Amino acid sequence: MQDEIALQVKHLNKSFDKKQILHDVSLDVHKAKILGLLGPSGSGKTTLVKLMAGIDSPDSGEVFILGEKVPNLKMLNRIGYMAQADALYGELTAEENLEFFASMYGLRKSEKKNRIEEVMKIVNLYDYLKIQVKKYSGGMKRRLSLAIALLHKPPILVLDEPTVGIDPVLRISIWEELYELCRNGTTIIVTTHVMDEAEKCHELGMIREGRLIALGTPEEILKASDSETIEEAFLFYGGVKR
């Protein structure tokens, strides 16, 4: 089971305003693994994960999730997506936000309440369920966005910079939860520009200027580039002299 392919990306190209953002990107994501996409701001990570989640369409190339080509409306409930910008309703409480998204995901009334409590405990926000989201800090909003992405227990979870603005202690607990989700069969794609987070991923794709410059386990990437750190490896694959 562990070696099954959950998500396939085949020769993706994408441009905006005549500027090419992604150049012929291909990769496989294995079931119940965490794939990290590492690259600086503007490297194309967000564009890539939007295509992987079926939120946008490529100019050319294909994306398959669990064998189904996306974008595909019937696959939306199989994906949990956490955007870089929090899509929350500030005037509503956290509970009301979660109830709204639970209804969108088609959760039954009987399971809605329990699931809302579960995800808020996961992100350590249970005590703030009744608080208006506009009173949340930036880090709390990120955690609520993660809770929303987890609500419907999707088999594929796509997280764009999920730990930005989150304190180091809570970041550790969120990564522990991601590992637990993987152990239970969830496949996770996570973007980051933080080198130590890249090392936590089972597999790692390095992206620079819209191109996939390296792909493998962190250990494989370090060995192949004769590097001691992920940062050194990124510079090596990016053609930057050390």
C-alpha atoms as a PDB file:
ATOM      1  CA  MET A   1       0.000   0.000   0.000  1.00  0.00           C
ATOM      2  CA  GLN A   2       2.769   2.409   0.914  1.00  0.00           C
ATOM      3  CA  ASP A   3       4.140   2.425  -2.639  1.00  0.00           C
ATOM      4  CA  GLU A   4       0.862   3.260  -4.360  1.00  0.00           C
ATOM      5  CA  ILE A   5       0.784   6.530  -6.267  1.00  0.00           C
ATOM      6  CA  ALA A   6      -1.830   8.874  -4.803  1.00  0.00           C
ATOM      7  CA  LEU A   7      -1.161  11.864  -7.054  1.00  0.00           C
ATOM      8  CA  GLN A   8       0.553  12.217 -10.436  1.00  0.00           C
ATOM      9  CA  VAL A   9       1.765  15.398 -12.090  1.00  0.00           C
ATOM     10  CA  LYS A  10       2.666  15.075 -15.781  1.00  0.00           C
ATOM     11  CA  HIS A  11       4.497  17.786 -17.740  1.00  0.00           C
ATOM     12  CA  LEU A  12       2.715  20.785 -16.230  1.00  0.00           C
ATOM     13  CA  ASN A  13       3.175  24.202 -17.793  1.00  0.00           C
ATOM     14  CA  LYS A  14       1.439  27.361 -16.593  1.00  0.00           C
ATOM     15  CA  SER A  15       1.734  31.028 -17.541  1.00  0.00           C
ATOM     16  CA  PHE A  16       0.182  34.256 -16.278  1.00  0.00           C
ATOM     17  CA  ASP A  17       0.221  37.473 -18.316  1.00  0.00           C
ATOM     18  CA  LYS A  18       2.609  35.898 -20.845  1.00  0.00           C
ATOM     19  CA  LYS A  19       5.102  35.006 -18.094  1.00  0.00           C
ATOM     20  CA  GLN A  20       5.722  31.284 -17.705  1.00  0.00           C
ATOM     21  CA  ILE A  21       5.422  30.295 -14.026  1.00  0.00           C
ATOM     22  CA  LEU A  22       5.875  26.512 -14.310  1.00  0.00           C
ATOM     23  CA  HIS A  23       8.110  24.703 -16.793  1.00  0.00           C
ATOM     24  CA  ASP A  24       7.371  21.035 -17.598  1.00  0.00           C
ATOM     25  CA  VAL A  25       6.946  19.854 -13.987  1.00  0.00           C
ATOM     26  CA  SER A  26       6.418  16.105 -13.464  1.00  0.00           C
ATOM     27  CA  LEU A  27       6.337  14.150 -10.195  1.00  0.00           C
ATOM     28  CA  ASP A  28       4.574  11.346  -8.333  1.00  0.00           C
ATOM     29  CA  VAL A  29       3.338  11.533  -4.745  1.00  0.00           C
ATOM     30  CA  HIS A  30       3.180   8.213  -2.900  1.00  0.00           C
ATOM     31  CA  LYS A  31       0.200   7.231  -0.777  1.00  0.00           C
ATOM     32  CA  ALA A  32       0.470   7.988   2.949  1.00  0.00           C
ATOM     33  CA  LYS A  33       3.624  10.080   2.506  1.00  0.00           C
ATOM     34  CA  ILE A  34       4.439  13.750   3.060  1.00  0.00           C
ATOM     35  CA  LEU A  35       5.848  15.458  -0.026  1.00  0.00           C
ATOM     36  CA  GLY A  36       7.487  18.783   0.720  1.00  0.00           C
ATOM     37  CA  LEU A  37       7.834  21.429  -2.001  1.00  0.00           C
ATOM     38  CA  LEU A  38      10.747  23.680  -1.106  1.00  0.00           C
ATOM     39  CA  GLY A  39      11.520  26.951  -2.813  1.00  0.00           C
ATOM     40  CA  PRO A  40      11.741  30.702  -2.289  1.00  0.00           C
ATOM     41  CA  SER A  41       8.783  33.065  -2.700  1.00  0.00           C
ATOM     42  CA  GLY A  42       7.893  33.412  -6.370  1.00  0.00           C
ATOM     43  CA  SER A  43       9.350  30.037  -7.347  1.00  0.00           C
ATOM     44  CA  GLY A  44       5.973  28.632  -8.448  1.00  0.00           C
ATOM     45  CA  LYS A  45       5.071  26.524  -5.387  1.00  0.00           C
ATOM     46  CA  THR A  46       1.615  28.031  -4.876  1.00  0.00           C
ATOM     47  CA  THR A  47       0.758  27.763  -8.569  1.00  0.00           C
ATOM     48  CA  LEU A  48       1.824  24.113  -8.541  1.00  0.00           C
ATOM     49  CA  VAL A  49      -0.233  23.126  -5.492  1.00  0.00           C
ATOM     50  CA  LYS A  50      -3.317  24.888  -6.867  1.00  0.00           C
ATOM     51  CA  LEU A  51      -2.991  22.732  -9.982  1.00  0.00           C
ATOM     52  CA  MET A  52      -2.394  19.647  -7.831  1.00  0.00           C
ATOM     53  CA  ALA A  53      -5.537  20.382  -5.806  1.00  0.00           C
ATOM     54  CA  GLY A  54      -7.610  20.883  -8.959  1.00  0.00           C
ATOM     55  CA  ILE A  55      -8.327  24.530  -8.133  1.00  0.00           C
ATOM     56  CA  ASP A  56      -6.753  25.771 -11.367  1.00  0.00           C
ATOM     57  CA  SER A  57      -6.083  24.263 -14.795  1.00  0.00           C
ATOM     58  CA  PRO A  58      -2.659  23.989 -16.472  1.00  0.00           C
ATOM     59  CA  ASP A  59      -1.911  25.410 -19.911  1.00  0.00           C
ATOM     60  CA  SER A  60      -0.619  21.941 -20.759  1.00  0.00           C
ATOM     61  CA  GLY A  61       0.031  18.732 -18.858  1.00  0.00           C
ATOM     62  CA  GLU A  62      -2.135  16.635 -16.560  1.00  0.00           C
ATOM     63  CA  VAL A  63      -2.805  15.991 -12.868  1.00  0.00           C
ATOM     64  CA  PHE A  64      -4.327  12.728 -11.593  1.00  0.00           C
ATOM     65  CA  ILE A  65      -5.587  12.283  -8.022  1.00  0.00           C
ATOM     66  CA  LEU A  66      -6.312   8.691  -6.987  1.00  0.00           C
ATOM     67  CA  GLY A  67      -6.437   7.824 -10.693  1.00  0.00           C
ATOM     68  CA  GLU A  68      -8.924  10.586 -11.605  1.00  0.00           C
ATOM     69  CA  LYS A  69      -7.939  13.525 -13.778  1.00  0.00           C
ATOM     70  CA  VAL A  70      -8.454  16.957 -12.180  1.00  0.00           C
ATOM     71  CA  PRO A  71      -9.942  19.583 -12.183  1.00  0.00           C
ATOM     72  CA  ASN A  72     -12.938  17.389 -11.440  1.00  0.00           C
ATOM     73  CA  LEU A  73     -15.910  18.452  -9.303  1.00  0.00           C
ATOM     74  CA  LYS A  74     -16.523  14.989  -7.889  1.00  0.00           C
ATOM     75  CA  MET A  75     -12.950  14.909  -6.540  1.00  0.00           C
ATOM     76  CA  LEU A  76     -13.251  18.116  -4.501  1.00  0.00           C
ATOM     77  CA  ASN A  77     -14.420  16.235  -1.409  1.00  0.00           C
ATOM     78  CA  ARG A  78     -11.369  13.967  -1.632  1.00  0.00           C
ATOM     79  CA  ILE A  79      -9.018  16.931  -1.197  1.00  0.00           C
ATOM     80  CA  GLY A  80      -8.347  19.177   1.787  1.00  0.00           C
ATOM     81  CA  TYR A  81      -6.773  22.452   0.669  1.00  0.00           C
ATOM     82  CA  MET A  82      -5.252  25.110   2.902  1.00  0.00           C
ATOM     83  CA  ALA A  83      -4.387  28.260   0.983  1.00  0.00           C
ATOM     84  CA  GLN A  84      -1.553  30.635   1.818  1.00  0.00           C
ATOM     85  CA  ALA A  85      -4.132  33.394   2.395  1.00  0.00           C
ATOM     86  CA  ASP A  86      -6.733  32.505   5.013  1.00  0.00           C
ATOM     87  CA  ALA A  87     -10.243  32.307   3.487  1.00  0.00           C
ATOM     88  CA  LEU A  88     -12.226  32.918   6.660  1.00  0.00           C
ATOM     89  CA  TYR A  89     -15.306  34.923   7.635  1.00  0.00           C
ATOM     90  CA  GLY A  90     -14.127  37.419  10.261  1.00  0.00           C
ATOM     91  CA  GLU A  91     -17.590  38.381  11.508  1.00  0.00           C
ATOM     92  CA  LEU A  92     -18.446  34.753  12.280  1.00  0.00           C
ATOM     93  CA  THR A  93     -17.144  32.688  15.178  1.00  0.00           C
ATOM     94  CA  ALA A  94     -14.722  29.847  14.520  1.00  0.00           C
ATOM     95  CA  GLU A  95     -17.555  27.393  15.141  1.00  0.00           C
ATOM     96  CA  GLU A  96     -19.784  29.141  12.578  1.00  0.00           C
ATOM     97  CA  ASN A  97     -16.938  29.089  10.035  1.00  0.00           C
ATOM     98  CA  LEU A  98     -16.460  25.371  10.616  1.00  0.00           C
ATOM     99  CA  GLU A  99     -20.198  24.675  10.390  1.00  0.00           C
ATOM    100  CA  PHE A 100     -20.359  26.516   7.060  1.00  0.00           C
ATOM    101  CA  PHE A 101     -17.492  24.509   5.554  1.00  0.00           C
ATOM    102  CA  ALA A 102     -18.799  21.248   7.067  1.00  0.00           C
ATOM    103  CA  SER A 103     -22.092  21.862   5.221  1.00  0.00           C
ATOM    104  CA  MET A 104     -20.191  22.540   2.006  1.00  0.00           C
ATOM    105  CA  TYR A 105     -18.370  19.228   2.425  1.00  0.00           C
ATOM    106  CA  GLY A 106     -21.674  17.464   2.984  1.00  0.00           C
ATOM    107  CA  LEU A 107     -21.012  16.308   6.546  1.00  0.00           C
ATOM    108  CA  ARG A 108     -24.084  14.848   8.226  1.00  0.00           C
ATOM    109  CA  LYS A 109     -25.525  16.777  11.160  1.00  0.00           C
ATOM    110  CA  SER A 110     -24.791  13.858  13.467  1.00  0.00           C
ATOM    111  CA  GLU A 111     -21.070  13.889  12.704  1.00  0.00           C
ATOM    112  CA  LYS A 112     -20.625  17.635  12.238  1.00  0.00           C
ATOM    113  CA  LYS A 113     -20.430  18.600  15.929  1.00  0.00           C
ATOM    114  CA  ASN A 114     -18.002  15.814  16.860  1.00  0.00           C
ATOM    115  CA  ARG A 115     -15.765  16.493  13.895  1.00  0.00           C
ATOM    116  CA  ILE A 116     -15.638  20.248  14.624  1.00  0.00           C
ATOM    117  CA  GLU A 117     -14.563  19.513  18.190  1.00  0.00           C
ATOM    118  CA  GLU A 118     -11.940  17.000  16.992  1.00  0.00           C
ATOM    119  CA  VAL A 119     -10.232  19.327  14.506  1.00  0.00           C
ATOM    120  CA  MET A 120     -10.221  22.268  16.918  1.00  0.00           C
ATOM    121  CA  LYS A 121      -8.497  20.092  19.505  1.00  0.00           C
ATOM    122  CA  ILE A 122      -5.936  19.041  16.899  1.00  0.00           C
ATOM    123  CA  VAL A 123      -4.952  22.687  16.251  1.00  0.00           C
ATOM    124  CA  ASN A 124      -5.234  23.634  19.934  1.00  0.00           C
ATOM    125  CA  LEU A 125      -8.104  26.101  19.436  1.00  0.00           C
ATOM    126  CA  TYR A 126     -10.957  24.284  21.149  1.00  0.00           C
ATOM    127  CA  ASP A 127     -11.263  26.976  23.842  1.00  0.00           C
ATOM    128  CA  TYR A 128     -11.757  29.631  21.134  1.00  0.00           C
ATOM    129  CA  LEU A 129     -14.661  27.996  19.275  1.00  0.00           C
ATOM    130  CA  LYS A 130     -17.145  30.735  20.210  1.00  0.00           C
ATOM    131  CA  ILE A 131     -14.802  33.659  19.447  1.00  0.00           C
ATOM    132  CA  GLN A 132     -15.227  35.822  16.332  1.00  0.00           C
ATOM    133  CA  VAL A 133     -12.441  35.101  13.861  1.00  0.00           C
ATOM    134  CA  LYS A 134     -11.652  38.827  13.473  1.00  0.00           C
ATOM    135  CA  LYS A 135     -10.363  38.659  17.063  1.00  0.00           C
ATOM    136  CA  TYR A 136      -7.947  35.845  16.202  1.00  0.00           C
ATOM    137  CA  SER A 137      -4.215  36.480  15.773  1.00  0.00           C
ATOM    138  CA  GLY A 138      -2.551  35.637  12.448  1.00  0.00           C
ATOM    139  CA  GLY A 139      -1.237  32.348  13.827  1.00  0.00           C
ATOM    140  CA  MET A 140      -4.663  31.377  15.149  1.00  0.00           C
ATOM    141  CA  LYS A 141      -6.194  32.027  11.726  1.00  0.00           C
ATOM    142  CA  ARG A 142      -3.606  29.722  10.139  1.00  0.00           C
ATOM    143  CA  ARG A 143      -4.517  27.005  12.623  1.00  0.00           C
ATOM    144  CA  LEU A 144      -8.247  27.481  11.975  1.00  0.00           C
ATOM    145  CA  SER A 145      -7.592  27.196   8.216  1.00  0.00           C
ATOM    146  CA  LEU A 146      -5.810  23.898   8.880  1.00  0.00           C
ATOM    147  CA  ALA A 147      -8.770  22.699  10.975  1.00  0.00           C
ATOM    148  CA  ILE A 148     -11.121  23.474   8.061  1.00  0.00           C
ATOM    149  CA  ALA A 149      -8.897  21.530   5.635  1.00  0.00           C
ATOM    150  CA  LEU A 150      -9.034  18.508   7.982  1.00  0.00           C
ATOM    151  CA  LEU A 151     -12.816  18.626   8.596  1.00  0.00           C
ATOM    152  CA  HIS A 152     -13.967  16.042   6.046  1.00  0.00           C
ATOM    153  CA  LYS A 153     -11.052  13.606   6.582  1.00  0.00           C
ATOM    154  CA  PRO A 154      -9.773  13.941   3.011  1.00  0.00           C
ATOM    155  CA  PRO A 155      -7.377  11.270   1.689  1.00  0.00           C
ATOM    156  CA  ILE A 156      -5.289  14.030   0.051  1.00  0.00           C
ATOM    157  CA  LEU A 157      -4.235  17.121   2.017  1.00  0.00           C
ATOM    158  CA  VAL A 158      -2.616  20.083   0.220  1.00  0.00           C
ATOM    159  CA  LEU A 159      -1.138  22.698   2.580  1.00  0.00           C
ATOM    160  CA  ASP A 160       0.407  25.933   1.286  1.00  0.00           C
ATOM    161  CA  GLU A 161       2.861  27.285   3.898  1.00  0.00           C
ATOM    162  CA  PRO A 162       0.771  25.888   6.789  1.00  0.00           C
ATOM    163  CA  THR A 163       3.079  26.912   9.651  1.00  0.00           C
ATOM    164  CA  VAL A 164       3.783  30.540   8.711  1.00  0.00           C
ATOM    165  CA  GLY A 165       3.197  32.722  11.773  1.00  0.00           C
ATOM    166  CA  ILE A 166       2.864  29.760  14.128  1.00  0.00           C
ATOM    167  CA  ASP A 167       5.064  29.561  17.216  1.00  0.00           C
ATOM    168  CA  PRO A 168       7.779  26.844  17.322  1.00  0.00           C
ATOM    169  CA  VAL A 169       6.123  24.726  20.037  1.00  0.00           C
ATOM    170  CA  LEU A 170       2.804  24.521  18.191  1.00  0.00           C
ATOM    171  CA  ARG A 171       4.637  23.926  14.908  1.00  0.00           C
ATOM    172  CA  ILE A 172       6.096  20.743  16.432  1.00  0.00           C
ATOM    173  CA  SER A 173       2.642  19.531  17.491  1.00  0.00           C
ATOM    174  CA  ILE A 174       1.210  20.246  14.019  1.00  0.00           C
ATOM    175  CA  TRP A 175       3.972  18.183  12.410  1.00  0.00           C
ATOM    176  CA  GLU A 176       3.269  15.364  14.861  1.00  0.00           C
ATOM    177  CA  GLU A 177      -0.361  15.492  13.749  1.00  0.00           C
ATOM    178  CA  LEU A 178       0.665  15.395  10.066  1.00  0.00           C
ATOM    179  CA  TYR A 179       2.711  12.253  10.743  1.00  0.00           C
ATOM    180  CA  GLU A 180      -0.261  10.703  12.548  1.00  0.00           C
ATOM    181  CA  LEU A 181      -2.514  11.487   9.564  1.00  0.00           C
ATOM    182  CA  CYS A 182       0.038   9.787   7.288  1.00  0.00           C
ATOM    183  CA  ARG A 183       0.109   6.711   9.488  1.00  0.00           C
ATOM    184  CA  ASN A 184      -3.666   6.546   9.019  1.00  0.00           C
ATOM    185  CA  GLY A 185      -3.340   6.699   5.227  1.00  0.00           C
ATOM    186  CA  THR A 186      -3.538  10.430   4.377  1.00  0.00           C
ATOM    187  CA  THR A 187      -1.268  11.732   1.615  1.00  0.00           C
ATOM    188  CA  ILE A 188       0.061  15.239   2.299  1.00  0.00           C
ATOM    189  CA  ILE A 189       1.641  17.862   0.052  1.00  0.00           C
ATOM    190  CA  VAL A 190       3.122  20.800   1.939  1.00  0.00           C
ATOM    191  CA  THR A 191       4.927  23.875   0.620  1.00  0.00           C
ATOM    192  CA  THR A 192       7.615  25.575   2.651  1.00  0.00           C
ATOM    193  CA  HIS A 193      10.616  27.854   2.390  1.00  0.00           C
ATOM    194  CA  VAL A 194      11.927  26.733   5.787  1.00  0.00           C
ATOM    195  CA  MET A 195      14.875  24.352   5.482  1.00  0.00           C
ATOM    196  CA  ASP A 196      14.340  22.461   8.751  1.00  0.00           C
ATOM    197  CA  GLU A 197      10.722  21.762   7.813  1.00  0.00           C
ATOM    198  CA  ALA A 198      11.857  20.366   4.460  1.00  0.00           C
ATOM    199  CA  GLU A 199      13.895  17.758   6.356  1.00  0.00           C
ATOM    200  CA  LYS A 200      10.734  16.539   8.122  1.00  0.00           C
ATOM    201  CA  CYS A 201       9.142  15.437   4.820  1.00  0.00           C
ATOM    202  CA  HIS A 202       9.315  11.859   3.557  1.00  0.00           C
ATOM    203  CA  GLU A 203       9.969  13.112   0.022  1.00  0.00           C
ATOM    204  CA  LEU A 204      11.164  16.493  -1.171  1.00  0.00           C
ATOM    205  CA  GLY A 205      10.824  18.443  -4.385  1.00  0.00           C
ATOM    206  CA  MET A 206      13.002  21.523  -4.835  1.00  0.00           C
ATOM    207  CA  ILE A 207      11.585  24.274  -7.036  1.00  0.00           C
ATOM    208  CA  ARG A 208      13.452  27.220  -8.480  1.00  0.00           C
ATOM    209  CA  GLU A 209      12.101  29.648 -11.087  1.00  0.00           C
ATOM    210  CA  GLY A 210       9.230  27.320 -11.923  1.00  0.00           C
ATOM    211  CA  ARG A 211      11.391  24.255 -12.492  1.00  0.00           C
ATOM    212  CA  LEU A 212      11.664  21.099 -10.416  1.00  0.00           C
ATOM    213  CA  ILE A 213      15.421  20.953  -9.817  1.00  0.00           C
ATOM    214  CA  ALA A 214      15.568  17.954  -7.452  1.00  0.00           C
ATOM    215  CA  LEU A 215      13.246  15.190  -6.254  1.00  0.00           C
ATOM    216  CA  GLY A 216      13.792  12.399  -3.735  1.00  0.00           C
ATOM    217  CA  THR A 217      13.986  11.717  -0.031  1.00  0.00           C
ATOM    218  CA  PRO A 218      15.939  14.350   1.940  1.00  0.00           C
ATOM    219  CA  GLU A 219      18.649  11.723   2.465  1.00  0.00           C
ATOM    220  CA  GLU A 220      18.871  10.941  -1.266  1.00  0.00           C
ATOM    221  CA  ILE A 221      19.079  14.628  -2.137  1.00  0.00           C
ATOM    222  CA  LEU A 222      21.835  15.261   0.421  1.00  0.00           C
ATOM    223  CA  LYS A 223      23.846  12.251  -0.781  1.00  0.00           C
ATOM    224  CA  ALA A 224      23.484  13.004  -4.498  1.00  0.00           C
ATOM    225  CA  SER A 225      24.610  16.616  -4.025  1.00  0.00           C
ATOM    226  CA  ASP A 226      27.366  15.722  -1.506  1.00  0.00           C
ATOM    227  CA  SER A 227      25.783  18.227   0.884  1.00  0.00           C
ATOM    228  CA  GLU A 228      25.576  18.341   4.663  1.00  0.00           C
ATOM    229  CA  THR A 229      22.428  20.483   4.772  1.00  0.00           C
ATOM    230  CA  ILE A 230      19.264  20.908   2.705  1.00  0.00           C
ATOM    231  CA  GLU A 231      20.259  24.533   2.151  1.00  0.00           C
ATOM    232  CA  GLU A 232      23.582  23.456   0.627  1.00  0.00           C
ATOM    233  CA  ALA A 233      21.767  20.954  -1.574  1.00  0.00           C
ATOM    234  CA  PHE A 234      19.326  23.606  -2.782  1.00  0.00           C
ATOM    235  CA  LEU A 235      22.219  25.867  -3.763  1.00  0.00           C
ATOM    236  CA  PHE A 236      23.928  22.943  -5.514  1.00  0.00           C
ATOM    237  CA  TYR A 237      20.875  22.013  -7.581  1.00  0.00           C
ATOM    238  CA  GLY A 238      20.137  25.653  -8.262  1.00  0.00           C
ATOM    239  CA  GLY A 239      23.562  26.052  -9.849  1.00  0.00           C
ATOM    240  CA  VAL A 240      24.811  28.453  -7.172  1.00  0.00           C
ATOM    241  CA  LYS A 241      28.483  28.081  -6.347  1.00  0.00           C
ATOM    242  CA  ARG A 242      29.250  27.227  -2.732  1.00  0.00           C
END
